[in-house]
């Protein structure tokens, strides 16, 4: 193979790898958004789809994927705009926001406990019982 063909093949492989990485990141981000929206729903937030041109325009005016404090009729509400996954707005009052904060902390603690349990389990595994490593050699 000539240098030019090798270079083209190498660049093609780099582009394919970059596209796969970007796609993987997008899938991970979507999973994170869906997990957060599950917490919002469980906390009492209400989802409203951006199913009209006016709602879609208003959705675009909000910062994406951030809870922001808004006032309506003198009352505080928290709004979460998702223009990417559900194309919707989540809204909740003070009570829903407090519940969301509590559930988010509980989830973080549970995730940390799971990670610690997995690390403990992995550290307790005795490789010496299984003979020489790697097995395929």
C-alpha atoms as a PDB file:
ATOM      1  CA  UNK A   1       0.000   0.000   0.000  1.00  0.00           C
ATOM      2  CA  UNK A   2       1.202   3.434  -0.728  1.00  0.00           C
ATOM      3  CA  UNK A   3       1.569   6.098   1.949  1.00  0.00           C
ATOM      4  CA  UNK A   4      -1.345   8.065   0.550  1.00  0.00           C
ATOM      5  CA  UNK A   5      -3.758   5.126   0.783  1.00  0.00           C
ATOM      6  CA  UNK A   6      -2.555   4.290   4.304  1.00  0.00           C
ATOM      7  CA  UNK A   7      -3.077   7.887   5.334  1.00  0.00           C
ATOM      8  CA  UNK A   8      -6.605   7.900   3.916  1.00  0.00           C
ATOM      9  CA  UNK A   9      -7.450   4.633   5.657  1.00  0.00           C
ATOM     10  CA  UNK A  10      -6.018   5.933   8.927  1.00  0.00           C
ATOM     11  CA  UNK A  11      -8.079   9.140   8.669  1.00  0.00           C
ATOM     12  CA  UNK A  12     -11.197   7.132   7.861  1.00  0.00           C
ATOM     13  CA  UNK A  13     -10.633   4.970  10.954  1.00  0.00           C
ATOM     14  CA  UNK A  14     -10.089   8.055  13.103  1.00  0.00           C
ATOM     15  CA  UNK A  15     -13.326   9.598  11.812  1.00  0.00           C
ATOM     16  CA  UNK A  16     -15.277   6.380  12.431  1.00  0.00           C
ATOM     17  CA  UNK A  17     -13.880   6.130  15.970  1.00  0.00           C
ATOM     18  CA  UNK A  18     -14.718   9.780  16.664  1.00  0.00           C
ATOM     19  CA  UNK A  19     -18.270   9.329  15.374  1.00  0.00           C
ATOM     20  CA  UNK A  20     -18.735   6.258  17.567  1.00  0.00           C
ATOM     21  CA  UNK A  21     -17.428   8.128  20.613  1.00  0.00           C
ATOM     22  CA  UNK A  22     -19.723  11.081  19.986  1.00  0.00           C
ATOM     23  CA  UNK A  23     -22.694   8.750  19.527  1.00  0.00           C
ATOM     24  CA  UNK A  24     -21.826   6.978  22.771  1.00  0.00           C
ATOM     25  CA  UNK A  25     -21.625  10.310  24.596  1.00  0.00           C
ATOM     26  CA  UNK A  26     -25.010  11.338  23.231  1.00  0.00           C
ATOM     27  CA  UNK A  27     -26.556   8.065  24.401  1.00  0.00           C
ATOM     28  CA  UNK A  28     -25.049   8.515  27.863  1.00  0.00           C
ATOM     29  CA  UNK A  29     -26.339  12.092  28.036  1.00  0.00           C
ATOM     30  CA  UNK A  30     -29.816  10.953  27.019  1.00  0.00           C
ATOM     31  CA  UNK A  31     -29.781   8.291  29.771  1.00  0.00           C
ATOM     32  CA  UNK A  32     -28.745  10.931  32.326  1.00  0.00           C
ATOM     33  CA  UNK A  33     -31.553  13.245  31.200  1.00  0.00           C
ATOM     34  CA  UNK A  34     -34.127  10.443  31.365  1.00  0.00           C
ATOM     35  CA  UNK A  35     -32.933   9.466  34.865  1.00  0.00           C
ATOM     36  CA  UNK A  36     -33.251  13.080  36.011  1.00  0.00           C
ATOM     37  CA  UNK A  37     -36.706  13.372  34.469  1.00  0.00           C
ATOM     38  CA  UNK A  38     -37.750  10.179  36.279  1.00  0.00           C
ATOM     39  CA  UNK A  39     -36.753  11.894  39.532  1.00  0.00           C
ATOM     40  CA  UNK A  40     -38.673  15.012  38.558  1.00  0.00           C
ATOM     41  CA  UNK A  41     -41.800  12.961  37.860  1.00  0.00           C
ATOM     42  CA  UNK A  42     -41.469  11.003  41.099  1.00  0.00           C
ATOM     43  CA  UNK A  43     -41.051  14.281  42.988  1.00  0.00           C
ATOM     44  CA  UNK A  44     -44.314  15.746  41.744  1.00  0.00           C
ATOM     45  CA  UNK A  45     -43.132  17.827  38.798  1.00  0.00           C
ATOM     46  CA  UNK A  46     -45.564  17.993  35.886  1.00  0.00           C
ATOM     47  CA  UNK A  47     -44.427  17.503  32.285  1.00  0.00           C
ATOM     48  CA  UNK A  48     -45.904  19.592  29.502  1.00  0.00           C
ATOM     49  CA  UNK A  49     -44.887  18.790  25.909  1.00  0.00           C
ATOM     50  CA  UNK A  50     -43.839  21.577  23.560  1.00  0.00           C
ATOM     51  CA  UNK A  51     -46.516  20.484  21.105  1.00  0.00           C
ATOM     52  CA  UNK A  52     -47.422  23.869  19.643  1.00  0.00           C
ATOM     53  CA  UNK A  53     -45.258  26.426  17.852  1.00  0.00           C
ATOM     54  CA  UNK A  54     -45.659  28.877  20.748  1.00  0.00           C
ATOM     55  CA  UNK A  55     -44.636  26.282  23.337  1.00  0.00           C
ATOM     56  CA  UNK A  56     -41.688  25.182  21.191  1.00  0.00           C
ATOM     57  CA  UNK A  57     -40.481  28.788  20.924  1.00  0.00           C
ATOM     58  CA  UNK A  58     -40.910  29.307  24.663  1.00  0.00           C
ATOM     59  CA  UNK A  59     -39.020  26.072  25.357  1.00  0.00           C
ATOM     60  CA  UNK A  60     -36.078  27.382  23.334  1.00  0.00           C
ATOM     61  CA  UNK A  61     -36.018  30.561  25.439  1.00  0.00           C
ATOM     62  CA  UNK A  62     -35.173  28.606  28.616  1.00  0.00           C
ATOM     63  CA  UNK A  63     -31.717  27.320  29.545  1.00  0.00           C
ATOM     64  CA  UNK A  64     -31.650  23.629  28.589  1.00  0.00           C
ATOM     65  CA  UNK A  65     -31.294  20.901  31.201  1.00  0.00           C
ATOM     66  CA  UNK A  66     -31.241  23.234  34.189  1.00  0.00           C
ATOM     67  CA  UNK A  67     -33.734  23.820  36.949  1.00  0.00           C
ATOM     68  CA  UNK A  68     -34.544  27.518  37.051  1.00  0.00           C
ATOM     69  CA  UNK A  69     -36.694  29.452  39.463  1.00  0.00           C
ATOM     70  CA  UNK A  70     -39.642  31.252  37.863  1.00  0.00           C
ATOM     71  CA  UNK A  71     -42.446  33.317  39.356  1.00  0.00           C
ATOM     72  CA  UNK A  72     -46.096  32.836  38.434  1.00  0.00           C
ATOM     73  CA  UNK A  73     -48.824  34.841  40.143  1.00  0.00           C
ATOM     74  CA  UNK A  74     -46.332  35.702  42.881  1.00  0.00           C
ATOM     75  CA  UNK A  75     -45.585  32.058  43.601  1.00  0.00           C
ATOM     76  CA  UNK A  76     -42.200  30.378  43.036  1.00  0.00           C
ATOM     77  CA  UNK A  77     -42.021  27.487  40.597  1.00  0.00           C
ATOM     78  CA  UNK A  78     -39.095  25.496  39.334  1.00  0.00           C
ATOM     79  CA  UNK A  79     -38.891  24.829  35.603  1.00  0.00           C
ATOM     80  CA  UNK A  80     -36.700  22.323  33.768  1.00  0.00           C
ATOM     81  CA  UNK A  81     -36.529  22.630  29.970  1.00  0.00           C
ATOM     82  CA  UNK A  82     -35.625  19.613  27.851  1.00  0.00           C
ATOM     83  CA  UNK A  83     -35.444  20.592  24.184  1.00  0.00           C
ATOM     84  CA  UNK A  84     -33.550  17.419  23.224  1.00  0.00           C
ATOM     85  CA  UNK A  85     -35.042  14.250  24.731  1.00  0.00           C
ATOM     86  CA  UNK A  86     -38.713  14.809  25.550  1.00  0.00           C
ATOM     87  CA  UNK A  87     -39.033  18.265  23.959  1.00  0.00           C
ATOM     88  CA  UNK A  88     -40.945  19.370  27.016  1.00  0.00           C
ATOM     89  CA  UNK A  89     -40.966  21.528  30.124  1.00  0.00           C
ATOM     90  CA  UNK A  90     -41.188  20.140  33.650  1.00  0.00           C
ATOM     91  CA  UNK A  91     -42.659  22.438  36.328  1.00  0.00           C
ATOM     92  CA  UNK A  92     -42.929  22.011  40.061  1.00  0.00           C
ATOM     93  CA  UNK A  93     -43.708  24.043  43.134  1.00  0.00           C
ATOM     94  CA  UNK A  94     -41.595  24.455  46.283  1.00  0.00           C
ATOM     95  CA  UNK A  95     -42.865  21.151  47.694  1.00  0.00           C
ATOM     96  CA  UNK A  96     -41.962  19.235  44.518  1.00  0.00           C
ATOM     97  CA  UNK A  97     -38.546  20.907  44.440  1.00  0.00           C
ATOM     98  CA  UNK A  98     -37.837  19.959  48.073  1.00  0.00           C
ATOM     99  CA  UNK A  99     -38.898  16.380  47.335  1.00  0.00           C
ATOM    100  CA  UNK A 100     -36.678  16.353  44.244  1.00  0.00           C
ATOM    101  CA  UNK A 101     -33.666  17.563  46.244  1.00  0.00           C
ATOM    102  CA  UNK A 102     -34.230  14.882  48.873  1.00  0.00           C
ATOM    103  CA  UNK A 103     -34.648  12.112  46.308  1.00  0.00           C
ATOM    104  CA  UNK A 104     -31.556  13.255  44.406  1.00  0.00           C
ATOM    105  CA  UNK A 105     -29.464  13.042  47.580  1.00  0.00           C
ATOM    106  CA  UNK A 106     -30.905   9.598  48.373  1.00  0.00           C
ATOM    107  CA  UNK A 107     -30.044   8.417  44.852  1.00  0.00           C
ATOM    108  CA  UNK A 108     -26.506   9.768  45.156  1.00  0.00           C
ATOM    109  CA  UNK A 109     -26.025   7.932  48.471  1.00  0.00           C
ATOM    110  CA  UNK A 110     -27.425   4.714  46.998  1.00  0.00           C
ATOM    111  CA  UNK A 111     -25.135   5.021  43.946  1.00  0.00           C
ATOM    112  CA  UNK A 112     -22.102   5.553  46.213  1.00  0.00           C
ATOM    113  CA  UNK A 113     -23.053   2.561  48.367  1.00  0.00           C
ATOM    114  CA  UNK A 114     -23.425   0.399  45.266  1.00  0.00           C
ATOM    115  CA  UNK A 115     -20.027   1.507  43.944  1.00  0.00           C
ATOM    116  CA  UNK A 116     -18.417   0.742  47.314  1.00  0.00           C
ATOM    117  CA  UNK A 117     -20.057  -2.707  47.450  1.00  0.00           C
ATOM    118  CA  UNK A 118     -18.859  -3.495  43.926  1.00  0.00           C
ATOM    119  CA  UNK A 119     -15.321  -2.342  44.748  1.00  0.00           C
ATOM    120  CA  UNK A 120     -15.330  -4.506  47.884  1.00  0.00           C
ATOM    121  CA  UNK A 121     -16.604  -7.485  45.900  1.00  0.00           C
ATOM    122  CA  UNK A 122     -13.970  -6.985  43.208  1.00  0.00           C
ATOM    123  CA  UNK A 123     -11.183  -6.665  45.800  1.00  0.00           C
ATOM    124  CA  UNK A 124     -12.319  -9.900  47.480  1.00  0.00           C
ATOM    125  CA  UNK A 125     -12.062 -11.931  44.260  1.00  0.00           C
ATOM    126  CA  UNK A 126      -9.129 -14.365  44.503  1.00  0.00           C
ATOM    127  CA  UNK A 127      -7.521 -14.708  41.081  1.00  0.00           C
ATOM    128  CA  UNK A 128      -5.031 -17.285  42.360  1.00  0.00           C
ATOM    129  CA  UNK A 129      -7.811 -19.861  42.710  1.00  0.00           C
ATOM    130  CA  UNK A 130      -8.371 -19.802  38.965  1.00  0.00           C
ATOM    131  CA  UNK A 131      -4.922 -20.828  37.790  1.00  0.00           C
ATOM    132  CA  UNK A 132      -2.555 -18.946  35.526  1.00  0.00           C
ATOM    133  CA  UNK A 133      -3.782 -15.754  33.968  1.00  0.00           C
ATOM    134  CA  UNK A 134      -4.685 -15.089  31.196  1.00  0.00           C
ATOM    135  CA  UNK A 135      -6.422 -18.393  30.558  1.00  0.00           C
ATOM    136  CA  UNK A 136      -6.055 -18.386  26.804  1.00  0.00           C
ATOM    137  CA  UNK A 137      -2.290 -18.622  26.947  1.00  0.00           C
END
